[in-house]
Amino acid sequence: MVEGDNEHALIEELTRQRDAWLEAAKRDSRPDVKTWLEDIVDREDRKTVLRDSMSVDDASEIRRLRSDENYSWRAIAGYCHNECSAMWSVGWESPELQEVGMLICEAAAEKLGERPHADPWN
């Protein structure tokens, strides 16, 4: 399998898993974040999809919001839910989840070649 096929297969699997998560979310008022981050898809895979889906401009804006505007991880998640989730095609039902915002910031930092747990990200 060539690299492009691996990416395509990963995206198809993540889409299938996302759809299963969304169905589960419909049954619960707030789906368990652990399920979203770990059980349905490996956290690193989710971060890879986020990083690969966002543009450098998206990552720069997330960095600006986090470092210059002092957005919390929850605020980052809410902003990205409203502004980017349809474009990124990764979707999550509950905006403003701290764990999702943290993952988005990690993905954005990596997109920009920065360390997510160092200044200016934390």
PDB file of N, CA and C in Angstrom:
ATOM      1  N   MET A   1       0.837  -1.169   0.000  1.00  0.00           N
ATOM      2  CA  MET A   1       0.000   0.000   0.000  1.00  0.00           C
ATOM      3  C   MET A   1       0.892   1.246   0.000  1.00  0.00           C
ATOM      4  N   VAL A   2       0.605   2.216  -0.819  1.00  0.00           N
ATOM      5  CA  VAL A   2       1.397   3.433  -0.871  1.00  0.00           C
ATOM      6  C   VAL A   2       0.917   4.398   0.197  1.00  0.00           C
ATOM      7  N   GLU A   3       1.724   5.418   0.465  1.00  0.00           N
ATOM      8  CA  GLU A   3       1.432   6.386   1.522  1.00  0.00           C
ATOM      9  C   GLU A   3       0.048   6.996   1.375  1.00  0.00           C
ATOM     10  N   GLY A   4      -0.341   7.399   0.190  1.00  0.00           N
ATOM     11  CA  GLY A   4      -1.657   7.986  -0.035  1.00  0.00           C
ATOM     12  C   GLY A   4      -2.783   7.038   0.311  1.00  0.00           C
ATOM     13  N   ASP A   5      -2.589   5.744   0.015  1.00  0.00           N
ATOM     14  CA  ASP A   5      -3.592   4.738   0.362  1.00  0.00           C
ATOM     15  C   ASP A   5      -3.729   4.604   1.872  1.00  0.00           C
ATOM     16  N   ASN A   6      -2.596   4.663   2.592  1.00  0.00           N
ATOM     17  CA  ASN A   6      -2.641   4.600   4.055  1.00  0.00           C
ATOM     18  C   ASN A   6      -3.428   5.771   4.615  1.00  0.00           C
ATOM     19  N   GLU A   7      -3.180   6.959   4.103  1.00  0.00           N
ATOM     20  CA  GLU A   7      -3.902   8.152   4.545  1.00  0.00           C
ATOM     21  C   GLU A   7      -5.383   8.020   4.267  1.00  0.00           C
ATOM     22  N   HIS A   8      -5.708   7.566   3.073  1.00  0.00           N
ATOM     23  CA  HIS A   8      -7.113   7.405   2.687  1.00  0.00           C
ATOM     24  C   HIS A   8      -7.793   6.370   3.583  1.00  0.00           C
ATOM     25  N   ALA A   9      -7.127   5.279   3.842  1.00  0.00           N
ATOM     26  CA  ALA A   9      -7.699   4.241   4.706  1.00  0.00           C
ATOM     27  C   ALA A   9      -7.893   4.767   6.125  1.00  0.00           C
ATOM     28  N   LEU A  10      -6.928   5.542   6.620  1.00  0.00           N
ATOM     29  CA  LEU A  10      -7.049   6.124   7.956  1.00  0.00           C
ATOM     30  C   LEU A  10      -8.227   7.092   8.014  1.00  0.00           C
ATOM     31  N   ILE A  11      -8.369   7.921   7.013  1.00  0.00           N
ATOM     32  CA  ILE A  11      -9.476   8.877   6.983  1.00  0.00           C
ATOM     33  C   ILE A  11     -10.810   8.153   6.924  1.00  0.00           C
ATOM     34  N   GLU A  12     -10.897   7.100   6.126  1.00  0.00           N
ATOM     35  CA  GLU A  12     -12.138   6.323   6.060  1.00  0.00           C
ATOM     36  C   GLU A  12     -12.469   5.689   7.407  1.00  0.00           C
ATOM     37  N   GLU A  13     -11.460   5.133   8.057  1.00  0.00           N
ATOM     38  CA  GLU A  13     -11.687   4.505   9.358  1.00  0.00           C
ATOM     39  C   GLU A  13     -12.084   5.546  10.402  1.00  0.00           C
ATOM     40  N   LEU A  14     -11.410   6.690  10.402  1.00  0.00           N
ATOM     41  CA  LEU A  14     -11.754   7.748  11.355  1.00  0.00           C
ATOM     42  C   LEU A  14     -13.154   8.284  11.104  1.00  0.00           C
ATOM     43  N   THR A  15     -13.544   8.376   9.850  1.00  0.00           N
ATOM     44  CA  THR A  15     -14.896   8.823   9.519  1.00  0.00           C
ATOM     45  C   THR A  15     -15.917   7.824  10.029  1.00  0.00           C
ATOM     46  N   ARG A  16     -15.659   6.538   9.842  1.00  0.00           N
ATOM     47  CA  ARG A  16     -16.558   5.505  10.339  1.00  0.00           C
ATOM     48  C   ARG A  16     -16.666   5.581  11.853  1.00  0.00           C
ATOM     49  N   GLN A  17     -15.538   5.739  12.502  1.00  0.00           N
ATOM     50  CA  GLN A  17     -15.530   5.807  13.959  1.00  0.00           C
ATOM     51  C   GLN A  17     -16.201   7.092  14.453  1.00  0.00           C
ATOM     52  N   ARG A  18     -15.980   8.184  13.757  1.00  0.00           N
ATOM     53  CA  ARG A  18     -16.635   9.441  14.120  1.00  0.00           C
ATOM     54  C   ARG A  18     -18.143   9.298  14.022  1.00  0.00           C
ATOM     55  N   ASP A  19     -18.616   8.662  12.959  1.00  0.00           N
ATOM     56  CA  ASP A  19     -20.061   8.465  12.793  1.00  0.00           C
ATOM     57  C   ASP A  19     -20.623   7.619  13.936  1.00  0.00           C
ATOM     58  N   ALA A  20     -19.874   6.607  14.349  1.00  0.00           N
ATOM     59  CA  ALA A  20     -20.317   5.780  15.479  1.00  0.00           C
ATOM     60  C   ALA A  20     -20.361   6.618  16.755  1.00  0.00           C
ATOM     61  N   TRP A  21     -19.376   7.483  16.939  1.00  0.00           N
ATOM     62  CA  TRP A  21     -19.350   8.356  18.112  1.00  0.00           C
ATOM     63  C   TRP A  21     -20.525   9.323  18.086  1.00  0.00           C
ATOM     64  N   LEU A  22     -20.816   9.876  16.925  1.00  0.00           N
ATOM     65  CA  LEU A  22     -21.929  10.817  16.826  1.00  0.00           C
ATOM     66  C   LEU A  22     -23.252  10.127  17.131  1.00  0.00           C
ATOM     67  N   GLU A  23     -23.405   8.891  16.698  1.00  0.00           N
ATOM     68  CA  GLU A  23     -24.617   8.137  17.031  1.00  0.00           C
ATOM     69  C   GLU A  23     -24.717   7.936  18.537  1.00  0.00           C
ATOM     70  N   ALA A  24     -23.595   7.606  19.167  1.00  0.00           N
ATOM     71  CA  ALA A  24     -23.589   7.435  20.622  1.00  0.00           C
ATOM     72  C   ALA A  24     -23.884   8.765  21.311  1.00  0.00           C
ATOM     73  N   ALA A  25     -23.389   9.855  20.741  1.00  0.00           N
ATOM     74  CA  ALA A  25     -23.612  11.174  21.335  1.00  0.00           C
ATOM     75  C   ALA A  25     -25.083  11.556  21.316  1.00  0.00           C
ATOM     76  N   LYS A  26     -25.800  11.097  20.324  1.00  0.00           N
ATOM     77  CA  LYS A  26     -27.229  11.395  20.246  1.00  0.00           C
ATOM     78  C   LYS A  26     -27.984  10.763  21.407  1.00  0.00           C
ATOM     79  N   ARG A  27     -27.469   9.642  21.907  1.00  0.00           N
ATOM     80  CA  ARG A  27     -28.133   8.940  23.000  1.00  0.00           C
ATOM     81  C   ARG A  27     -27.807   9.555  24.355  1.00  0.00           C
ATOM     82  N   ASP A  28     -26.704  10.262  24.456  1.00  0.00           N
ATOM     83  CA  ASP A  28     -26.262  10.855  25.721  1.00  0.00           C
ATOM     84  C   ASP A  28     -26.314  12.369  25.623  1.00  0.00           C
ATOM     85  N   SER A  29     -26.550  13.024  26.752  1.00  0.00           N
ATOM     86  CA  SER A  29     -26.553  14.486  26.719  1.00  0.00           C
ATOM     87  C   SER A  29     -25.144  15.024  26.518  1.00  0.00           C
ATOM     88  N   ARG A  30     -24.160  14.366  27.088  1.00  0.00           N
ATOM     89  CA  ARG A  30     -22.769  14.738  26.871  1.00  0.00           C
ATOM     90  C   ARG A  30     -21.959  13.458  26.787  1.00  0.00           C
ATOM     91  N   PRO A  31     -21.444  13.154  25.607  1.00  0.00           N
ATOM     92  CA  PRO A  31     -20.665  11.926  25.481  1.00  0.00           C
ATOM     93  C   PRO A  31     -19.403  11.996  26.326  1.00  0.00           C
ATOM     94  N   ASP A  32     -18.972  10.859  26.768  1.00  0.00           N
ATOM     95  CA  ASP A  32     -17.777  10.772  27.578  1.00  0.00           C
ATOM     96  C   ASP A  32     -16.564  11.181  26.753  1.00  0.00           C
ATOM     97  N   VAL A  33     -15.820  12.166  27.238  1.00  0.00           N
ATOM     98  CA  VAL A  33     -14.657  12.667  26.499  1.00  0.00           C
ATOM     99  C   VAL A  33     -13.617  11.573  26.334  1.00  0.00           C
ATOM    100  N   LYS A  34     -13.471  10.729  27.344  1.00  0.00           N
ATOM    101  CA  LYS A  34     -12.519   9.627  27.228  1.00  0.00           C
ATOM    102  C   LYS A  34     -12.835   8.779  26.001  1.00  0.00           C
ATOM    103  N   THR A  35     -14.118   8.551  25.745  1.00  0.00           N
ATOM    104  CA  THR A  35     -14.510   7.790  24.563  1.00  0.00           C
ATOM    105  C   THR A  35     -14.051   8.501  23.310  1.00  0.00           C
ATOM    106  N   TRP A  36     -14.312   9.793  23.228  1.00  0.00           N
ATOM    107  CA  TRP A  36     -13.940  10.556  22.028  1.00  0.00           C
ATOM    108  C   TRP A  36     -12.443  10.543  21.814  1.00  0.00           C
ATOM    109  N   LEU A  37     -11.684  10.686  22.890  1.00  0.00           N
ATOM    110  CA  LEU A  37     -10.239  10.820  22.746  1.00  0.00           C
ATOM    111  C   LEU A  37      -9.498   9.491  22.665  1.00  0.00           C
ATOM    112  N   GLU A  38      -9.986   8.460  23.344  1.00  0.00           N
ATOM    113  CA  GLU A  38      -9.193   7.246  23.457  1.00  0.00           C
ATOM    114  C   GLU A  38      -9.881   5.998  22.919  1.00  0.00           C
ATOM    115  N   ASP A  39     -11.117   5.763  23.303  1.00  0.00           N
ATOM    116  CA  ASP A  39     -11.751   4.496  22.979  1.00  0.00           C
ATOM    117  C   ASP A  39     -12.068   4.354  21.497  1.00  0.00           C
ATOM    118  N   ILE A  40     -12.623   5.384  20.887  1.00  0.00           N
ATOM    119  CA  ILE A  40     -13.030   5.276  19.495  1.00  0.00           C
ATOM    120  C   ILE A  40     -11.825   5.340  18.568  1.00  0.00           C
ATOM    121  N   VAL A  41     -10.937   6.231  18.836  1.00  0.00           N
ATOM    122  CA  VAL A  41      -9.761   6.365  17.980  1.00  0.00           C
ATOM    123  C   VAL A  41      -8.591   6.799  18.857  1.00  0.00           C
ATOM    124  N   ASP A  42      -7.445   6.268  18.585  1.00  0.00           N
ATOM    125  CA  ASP A  42      -6.255   6.630  19.331  1.00  0.00           C
ATOM    126  C   ASP A  42      -6.044   8.132  19.301  1.00  0.00           C
ATOM    127  N   ARG A  43      -5.680   8.686  20.440  1.00  0.00           N
ATOM    128  CA  ARG A  43      -5.497  10.140  20.574  1.00  0.00           C
ATOM    129  C   ARG A  43      -4.500  10.685  19.545  1.00  0.00           C
ATOM    130  N   GLU A  44      -3.421   9.989  19.332  1.00  0.00           N
ATOM    131  CA  GLU A  44      -2.419  10.455  18.366  1.00  0.00           C
ATOM    132  C   GLU A  44      -2.980  10.453  16.946  1.00  0.00           C
ATOM    133  N   ASP A  45      -3.826   9.469  16.625  1.00  0.00           N
ATOM    134  CA  ASP A  45      -4.459   9.459  15.308  1.00  0.00           C
ATOM    135  C   ASP A  45      -5.385  10.661  15.155  1.00  0.00           C
ATOM    136  N   ARG A  46      -6.160  10.966  16.197  1.00  0.00           N
ATOM    137  CA  ARG A  46      -7.061  12.118  16.151  1.00  0.00           C
ATOM    138  C   ARG A  46      -6.259  13.407  15.965  1.00  0.00           C
ATOM    139  N   LYS A  47      -5.145  13.511  16.703  1.00  0.00           N
ATOM    140  CA  LYS A  47      -4.307  14.707  16.580  1.00  0.00           C
ATOM    141  C   LYS A  47      -3.711  14.802  15.174  1.00  0.00           C
ATOM    142  N   THR A  48      -3.308  13.677  14.617  1.00  0.00           N
ATOM    143  CA  THR A  48      -2.761  13.663  13.260  1.00  0.00           C
ATOM    144  C   THR A  48      -3.807  14.148  12.260  1.00  0.00           C
ATOM    145  N   VAL A  49      -5.039  13.678  12.396  1.00  0.00           N
ATOM    146  CA  VAL A  49      -6.103  14.108  11.485  1.00  0.00           C
ATOM    147  C   VAL A  49      -6.363  15.596  11.648  1.00  0.00           C
ATOM    148  N   LEU A  50      -6.417  16.078  12.883  1.00  0.00           N
ATOM    149  CA  LEU A  50      -6.609  17.519  13.110  1.00  0.00           C
ATOM    150  C   LEU A  50      -5.476  18.314  12.466  1.00  0.00           C
ATOM    151  N   ARG A  51      -4.239  17.922  12.743  1.00  0.00           N
ATOM    152  CA  ARG A  51      -3.073  18.641  12.216  1.00  0.00           C
ATOM    153  C   ARG A  51      -3.077  18.651  10.695  1.00  0.00           C
ATOM    154  N   ASP A  52      -3.386  17.519  10.092  1.00  0.00           N
ATOM    155  CA  ASP A  52      -3.366  17.433   8.640  1.00  0.00           C
ATOM    156  C   ASP A  52      -4.553  18.148   7.999  1.00  0.00           C
ATOM    157  N   SER A  53      -5.636  18.298   8.758  1.00  0.00           N
ATOM    158  CA  SER A  53      -6.831  18.953   8.223  1.00  0.00           C
ATOM    159  C   SER A  53      -6.737  20.465   8.281  1.00  0.00           C
ATOM    160  N   MET A  54      -6.011  20.977   9.267  1.00  0.00           N
ATOM    161  CA  MET A  54      -5.953  22.439   9.405  1.00  0.00           C
ATOM    162  C   MET A  54      -4.871  23.022   8.506  1.00  0.00           C
ATOM    163  N   SER A  55      -5.111  24.231   8.070  1.00  0.00           N
ATOM    164  CA  SER A  55      -4.108  24.944   7.275  1.00  0.00           C
ATOM    165  C   SER A  55      -3.118  25.628   8.219  1.00  0.00           C
ATOM    166  N   VAL A  56      -2.017  26.095   7.666  1.00  0.00           N
ATOM    167  CA  VAL A  56      -1.057  26.865   8.457  1.00  0.00           C
ATOM    168  C   VAL A  56      -1.732  28.130   8.983  1.00  0.00           C
ATOM    169  N   ASP A  57      -2.604  28.736   8.178  1.00  0.00           N
ATOM    170  CA  ASP A  57      -3.339  29.913   8.642  1.00  0.00           C
ATOM    171  C   ASP A  57      -4.242  29.580   9.821  1.00  0.00           C
ATOM    172  N   ASP A  58      -4.924  28.420   9.776  1.00  0.00           N
ATOM    173  CA  ASP A  58      -5.744  27.982  10.910  1.00  0.00           C
ATOM    174  C   ASP A  58      -4.874  27.849  12.156  1.00  0.00           C
ATOM    175  N   ALA A  59      -3.748  27.165  12.006  1.00  0.00           N
ATOM    176  CA  ALA A  59      -2.848  26.936  13.145  1.00  0.00           C
ATOM    177  C   ALA A  59      -2.326  28.260  13.698  1.00  0.00           C
ATOM    178  N   SER A  60      -2.012  29.193  12.814  1.00  0.00           N
ATOM    179  CA  SER A  60      -1.527  30.513  13.256  1.00  0.00           C
ATOM    180  C   SER A  60      -2.608  31.265  14.019  1.00  0.00           C
ATOM    181  N   GLU A  61      -3.840  31.170  13.561  1.00  0.00           N
ATOM    182  CA  GLU A  61      -4.944  31.831  14.253  1.00  0.00           C
ATOM    183  C   GLU A  61      -5.173  31.203  15.625  1.00  0.00           C
ATOM    184  N   ILE A  62      -5.094  29.890  15.704  1.00  0.00           N
ATOM    185  CA  ILE A  62      -5.243  29.217  16.993  1.00  0.00           C
ATOM    186  C   ILE A  62      -4.128  29.646  17.937  1.00  0.00           C
ATOM    187  N   ARG A  63      -2.923  29.742  17.427  1.00  0.00           N
ATOM    188  CA  ARG A  63      -1.783  30.214  18.232  1.00  0.00           C
ATOM    189  C   ARG A  63      -2.041  31.630  18.724  1.00  0.00           C
ATOM    190  N   ARG A  64      -2.516  32.510  17.838  1.00  0.00           N
ATOM    191  CA  ARG A  64      -2.795  33.894  18.224  1.00  0.00           C
ATOM    192  C   ARG A  64      -3.855  33.953  19.322  1.00  0.00           C
ATOM    193  N   LEU A  65      -4.913  33.177  19.140  1.00  0.00           N
ATOM    194  CA  LEU A  65      -5.979  33.177  20.145  1.00  0.00           C
ATOM    195  C   LEU A  65      -5.478  32.661  21.490  1.00  0.00           C
ATOM    196  N   ARG A  66      -4.668  31.617  21.447  1.00  0.00           N
ATOM    197  CA  ARG A  66      -4.166  31.021  22.688  1.00  0.00           C
ATOM    198  C   ARG A  66      -3.142  31.921  23.366  1.00  0.00           C
ATOM    199  N   SER A  67      -2.201  32.465  22.606  1.00  0.00           N
ATOM    200  CA  SER A  67      -1.104  33.214  23.231  1.00  0.00           C
ATOM    201  C   SER A  67      -1.405  34.705  23.384  1.00  0.00           C
ATOM    202  N   ASP A  68      -1.968  35.331  22.378  1.00  0.00           N
ATOM    203  CA  ASP A  68      -2.198  36.784  22.440  1.00  0.00           C
ATOM    204  C   ASP A  68      -3.532  37.150  23.095  1.00  0.00           C
ATOM    205  N   GLU A  69      -4.539  36.345  22.843  1.00  0.00           N
ATOM    206  CA  GLU A  69      -5.880  36.641  23.375  1.00  0.00           C
ATOM    207  C   GLU A  69      -6.196  35.847  24.644  1.00  0.00           C
ATOM    208  N   ASN A  70      -5.256  35.003  25.074  1.00  0.00           N
ATOM    209  CA  ASN A  70      -5.403  34.210  26.301  1.00  0.00           C
ATOM    210  C   ASN A  70      -6.639  33.322  26.319  1.00  0.00           C
ATOM    211  N   TYR A  71      -6.993  32.757  25.144  1.00  0.00           N
ATOM    212  CA  TYR A  71      -8.104  31.811  25.088  1.00  0.00           C
ATOM    213  C   TYR A  71      -7.743  30.563  25.892  1.00  0.00           C
ATOM    214  N   SER A  72      -8.688  30.083  26.673  1.00  0.00           N
ATOM    215  CA  SER A  72      -8.517  28.816  27.380  1.00  0.00           C
ATOM    216  C   SER A  72      -8.656  27.680  26.365  1.00  0.00           C
ATOM    217  N   TRP A  73      -8.340  26.462  26.802  1.00  0.00           N
ATOM    218  CA  TRP A  73      -8.536  25.312  25.915  1.00  0.00           C
ATOM    219  C   TRP A  73     -10.012  25.159  25.570  1.00  0.00           C
ATOM    220  N   ARG A  74     -10.881  25.421  26.552  1.00  0.00           N
ATOM    221  CA  ARG A  74     -12.322  25.353  26.281  1.00  0.00           C
ATOM    222  C   ARG A  74     -12.730  26.377  25.224  1.00  0.00           C
ATOM    223  N   ALA A  75     -12.186  27.585  25.339  1.00  0.00           N
ATOM    224  CA  ALA A  75     -12.517  28.630  24.362  1.00  0.00           C
ATOM    225  C   ALA A  75     -11.989  28.271  22.974  1.00  0.00           C
ATOM    226  N   ILE A  76     -10.800  27.687  22.916  1.00  0.00           N
ATOM    227  CA  ILE A  76     -10.245  27.228  21.627  1.00  0.00           C
ATOM    228  C   ILE A  76     -11.170  26.181  21.017  1.00  0.00           C
ATOM    229  N   ALA A  77     -11.610  25.219  21.831  1.00  0.00           N
ATOM    230  CA  ALA A  77     -12.509  24.169  21.329  1.00  0.00           C
ATOM    231  C   ALA A  77     -13.802  24.786  20.810  1.00  0.00           C
ATOM    232  N   GLY A  78     -14.350  25.741  21.549  1.00  0.00           N
ATOM    233  CA  GLY A  78     -15.583  26.397  21.110  1.00  0.00           C
ATOM    234  C   GLY A  78     -15.390  27.166  19.820  1.00  0.00           C
ATOM    235  N   TYR A  79     -14.295  27.919  19.732  1.00  0.00           N
ATOM    236  CA  TYR A  79     -13.995  28.677  18.512  1.00  0.00           C
ATOM    237  C   TYR A  79     -13.867  27.723  17.321  1.00  0.00           C
ATOM    238  N   CYS A  80     -13.086  26.673  17.484  1.00  0.00           N
ATOM    239  CA  CYS A  80     -12.858  25.737  16.372  1.00  0.00           C
ATOM    240  C   CYS A  80     -14.128  24.968  16.025  1.00  0.00           C
ATOM    241  N   HIS A  81     -14.947  24.678  17.011  1.00  0.00           N
ATOM    242  CA  HIS A  81     -16.219  24.008  16.745  1.00  0.00           C
ATOM    243  C   HIS A  81     -17.071  24.886  15.836  1.00  0.00           C
ATOM    244  N   ASN A  82     -17.115  26.177  16.136  1.00  0.00           N
ATOM    245  CA  ASN A  82     -17.941  27.108  15.360  1.00  0.00           C
ATOM    246  C   ASN A  82     -17.333  27.471  14.010  1.00  0.00           C
ATOM    247  N   GLU A  83     -16.019  27.625  13.966  1.00  0.00           N
ATOM    248  CA  GLU A  83     -15.372  28.175  12.772  1.00  0.00           C
ATOM    249  C   GLU A  83     -14.723  27.137  11.861  1.00  0.00           C
ATOM    250  N   CYS A  84     -14.343  25.999  12.391  1.00  0.00           N
ATOM    251  CA  CYS A  84     -13.486  25.101  11.611  1.00  0.00           C
ATOM    252  C   CYS A  84     -13.975  23.663  11.486  1.00  0.00           C
ATOM    253  N   SER A  85     -14.847  23.207  12.358  1.00  0.00           N
ATOM    254  CA  SER A  85     -15.129  21.766  12.405  1.00  0.00           C
ATOM    255  C   SER A  85     -15.702  21.235  11.096  1.00  0.00           C
ATOM    256  N   ALA A  86     -16.564  22.002  10.430  1.00  0.00           N
ATOM    257  CA  ALA A  86     -17.113  21.529   9.151  1.00  0.00           C
ATOM    258  C   ALA A  86     -16.017  21.442   8.088  1.00  0.00           C
ATOM    259  N   MET A  87     -15.134  22.418   8.083  1.00  0.00           N
ATOM    260  CA  MET A  87     -14.045  22.451   7.107  1.00  0.00           C
ATOM    261  C   MET A  87     -13.052  21.315   7.371  1.00  0.00           C
ATOM    262  N   TRP A  88     -12.796  21.027   8.648  1.00  0.00           N
ATOM    263  CA  TRP A  88     -11.860  19.974   9.008  1.00  0.00           C
ATOM    264  C   TRP A  88     -12.484  18.594   8.903  1.00  0.00           C
ATOM    265  N   SER A  89     -13.795  18.504   8.902  1.00  0.00           N
ATOM    266  CA  SER A  89     -14.526  17.231   8.813  1.00  0.00           C
ATOM    267  C   SER A  89     -14.140  16.248   9.913  1.00  0.00           C
ATOM    268  N   VAL A  90     -13.929  16.761  11.125  1.00  0.00           N
ATOM    269  CA  VAL A  90     -13.640  15.877  12.241  1.00  0.00           C
ATOM    270  C   VAL A  90     -14.751  15.894  13.270  1.00  0.00           C
ATOM    271  N   GLY A  91     -15.539  16.919  13.284  1.00  0.00           N
ATOM    272  CA  GLY A  91     -16.719  17.077  14.115  1.00  0.00           C
ATOM    273  C   GLY A  91     -16.691  16.530  15.521  1.00  0.00           C
ATOM    274  N   TRP A  92     -17.264  17.260  16.407  1.00  0.00           N
ATOM    275  CA  TRP A  92     -17.560  16.802  17.748  1.00  0.00           C
ATOM    276  C   TRP A  92     -18.816  17.538  18.156  1.00  0.00           C
ATOM    277  N   GLU A  93     -19.666  16.838  18.882  1.00  0.00           N
ATOM    278  CA  GLU A  93     -20.978  17.368  19.218  1.00  0.00           C
ATOM    279  C   GLU A  93     -20.922  18.447  20.292  1.00  0.00           C
ATOM    280  N   SER A  94     -20.083  18.261  21.282  1.00  0.00           N
ATOM    281  CA  SER A  94     -20.079  19.163  22.433  1.00  0.00           C
ATOM    282  C   SER A  94     -18.957  20.178  22.312  1.00  0.00           C
ATOM    283  N   PRO A  95     -19.294  21.420  21.996  1.00  0.00           N
ATOM    284  CA  PRO A  95     -18.245  22.436  21.925  1.00  0.00           C
ATOM    285  C   PRO A  95     -17.704  22.736  23.320  1.00  0.00           C
ATOM    286  N   GLU A  96     -16.578  23.353  23.355  1.00  0.00           N
ATOM    287  CA  GLU A  96     -15.969  23.854  24.580  1.00  0.00           C
ATOM    288  C   GLU A  96     -15.540  22.759  25.552  1.00  0.00           C
ATOM    289  N   LEU A  97     -15.081  21.638  25.028  1.00  0.00           N
ATOM    290  CA  LEU A  97     -14.497  20.609  25.881  1.00  0.00           C
ATOM    291  C   LEU A  97     -13.010  20.903  26.036  1.00  0.00           C
ATOM    292  N   GLN A  98     -12.558  20.983  27.279  1.00  0.00           N
ATOM    293  CA  GLN A  98     -11.162  21.318  27.551  1.00  0.00           C
ATOM    294  C   GLN A  98     -10.210  20.362  26.858  1.00  0.00           C
ATOM    295  N   GLU A  99     -10.510  19.067  26.921  1.00  0.00           N
ATOM    296  CA  GLU A  99      -9.618  18.069  26.343  1.00  0.00           C
ATOM    297  C   GLU A  99      -9.503  18.214  24.827  1.00  0.00           C
ATOM    298  N   VAL A 100     -10.605  18.609  24.187  1.00  0.00           N
ATOM    299  CA  VAL A 100     -10.587  18.811  22.738  1.00  0.00           C
ATOM    300  C   VAL A 100      -9.750  20.045  22.399  1.00  0.00           C
ATOM    301  N   GLY A 101      -9.918  21.112  23.173  1.00  0.00           N
ATOM    302  CA  GLY A 101      -9.125  22.323  22.952  1.00  0.00           C
ATOM    303  C   GLY A 101      -7.638  22.068  23.108  1.00  0.00           C
ATOM    304  N   MET A 102      -7.280  21.256  24.100  1.00  0.00           N
ATOM    305  CA  MET A 102      -5.881  20.914  24.302  1.00  0.00           C
ATOM    306  C   MET A 102      -5.335  20.156  23.097  1.00  0.00           C
ATOM    307  N   LEU A 103      -6.108  19.214  22.603  1.00  0.00           N
ATOM    308  CA  LEU A 103      -5.691  18.430  21.438  1.00  0.00           C
ATOM    309  C   LEU A 103      -5.541  19.318  20.203  1.00  0.00           C
ATOM    310  N   ILE A 104      -6.463  20.256  20.018  1.00  0.00           N
ATOM    311  CA  ILE A 104      -6.384  21.189  18.889  1.00  0.00           C
ATOM    312  C   ILE A 104      -5.121  22.035  18.995  1.00  0.00           C
ATOM    313  N   CYS A 105      -4.820  22.527  20.190  1.00  0.00           N
ATOM    314  CA  CYS A 105      -3.611  23.341  20.373  1.00  0.00           C
ATOM    315  C   CYS A 105      -2.348  22.526  20.100  1.00  0.00           C
ATOM    316  N   GLU A 106      -2.329  21.278  20.545  1.00  0.00           N
ATOM    317  CA  GLU A 106      -1.177  20.419  20.257  1.00  0.00           C
ATOM    318  C   GLU A 106      -1.010  20.230  18.754  1.00  0.00           C
ATOM    319  N   ALA A 107      -2.112  19.982  18.066  1.00  0.00           N
ATOM    320  CA  ALA A 107      -2.060  19.786  16.613  1.00  0.00           C
ATOM    321  C   ALA A 107      -1.599  21.063  15.916  1.00  0.00           C
ATOM    322  N   ALA A 108      -2.114  22.212  16.348  1.00  0.00           N
ATOM    323  CA  ALA A 108      -1.730  23.490  15.735  1.00  0.00           C
ATOM    324  C   ALA A 108      -0.250  23.783  15.966  1.00  0.00           C
ATOM    325  N   ALA A 109       0.223  23.546  17.182  1.00  0.00           N
ATOM    326  CA  ALA A 109       1.643  23.772  17.466  1.00  0.00           C
ATOM    327  C   ALA A 109       2.524  22.898  16.584  1.00  0.00           C
ATOM    328  N   GLU A 110       2.153  21.631  16.463  1.00  0.00           N
ATOM    329  CA  GLU A 110       2.922  20.731  15.605  1.00  0.00           C
ATOM    330  C   GLU A 110       2.870  21.167  14.149  1.00  0.00           C
ATOM    331  N   LYS A 111       1.715  21.665  13.708  1.00  0.00           N
ATOM    332  CA  LYS A 111       1.578  22.154  12.328  1.00  0.00           C
ATOM    333  C   LYS A 111       2.577  23.281  12.070  1.00  0.00           C
ATOM    334  N   LEU A 112       2.797  24.111  13.103  1.00  0.00           N
ATOM    335  CA  LEU A 112       3.713  25.247  12.976  1.00  0.00           C
ATOM    336  C   LEU A 112       5.152  24.886  13.336  1.00  0.00           C
ATOM    337  N   GLY A 113       5.394  23.618  13.661  1.00  0.00           N
ATOM    338  CA  GLY A 113       6.748  23.188  14.009  1.00  0.00           C
ATOM    339  C   GLY A 113       7.169  23.647  15.396  1.00  0.00           C
ATOM    340  N   GLU A 114       6.193  23.872  16.273  1.00  0.00           N
ATOM    341  CA  GLU A 114       6.476  24.342  17.625  1.00  0.00           C
ATOM    342  C   GLU A 114       6.181  23.241  18.642  1.00  0.00           C
ATOM    343  N   ARG A 115       6.662  23.439  19.837  1.00  0.00           N
ATOM    344  CA  ARG A 115       6.425  22.490  20.925  1.00  0.00           C
ATOM    345  C   ARG A 115       5.150  22.880  21.653  1.00  0.00           C
ATOM    346  N   PRO A 116       4.158  22.008  21.691  1.00  0.00           N
ATOM    347  CA  PRO A 116       2.862  22.376  22.250  1.00  0.00           C
ATOM    348  C   PRO A 116       2.824  22.621  23.742  1.00  0.00           C
ATOM    349  N   HIS A 117       3.820  22.132  24.477  1.00  0.00           N
ATOM    350  CA  HIS A 117       3.800  22.292  25.926  1.00  0.00           C
ATOM    351  C   HIS A 117       4.804  23.332  26.391  1.00  0.00           C
ATOM    352  N   ALA A 118       5.241  24.186  25.477  1.00  0.00           N
ATOM    353  CA  ALA A 118       6.175  25.265  25.802  1.00  0.00           C
ATOM    354  C   ALA A 118       5.536  26.601  25.420  1.00  0.00           C
ATOM    355  N   ASP A 119       6.189  27.671  25.822  1.00  0.00           N
ATOM    356  CA  ASP A 119       5.704  29.001  25.410  1.00  0.00           C
ATOM    357  C   ASP A 119       5.726  29.083  23.892  1.00  0.00           C
ATOM    358  N   PRO A 120       4.786  29.706  23.289  1.00  0.00           N
ATOM    359  CA  PRO A 120       3.713  30.536  23.847  1.00  0.00           C
ATOM    360  C   PRO A 120       2.410  29.761  24.092  1.00  0.00           C
ATOM    361  N   TRP A 121       2.430  28.451  23.956  1.00  0.00           N
ATOM    362  CA  TRP A 121       1.208  27.662  24.035  1.00  0.00           C
ATOM    363  C   TRP A 121       0.702  27.465  25.450  1.00  0.00           C
ATOM    364  N   ASN A 122       1.568  27.495  26.428  1.00  0.00           N
ATOM    365  CA  ASN A 122       1.148  27.310  27.829  1.00  0.00           C
ATOM    366  C   ASN A 122       1.621  28.440  28.693  1.00  0.00           C
TER     367      ASN A 122
END
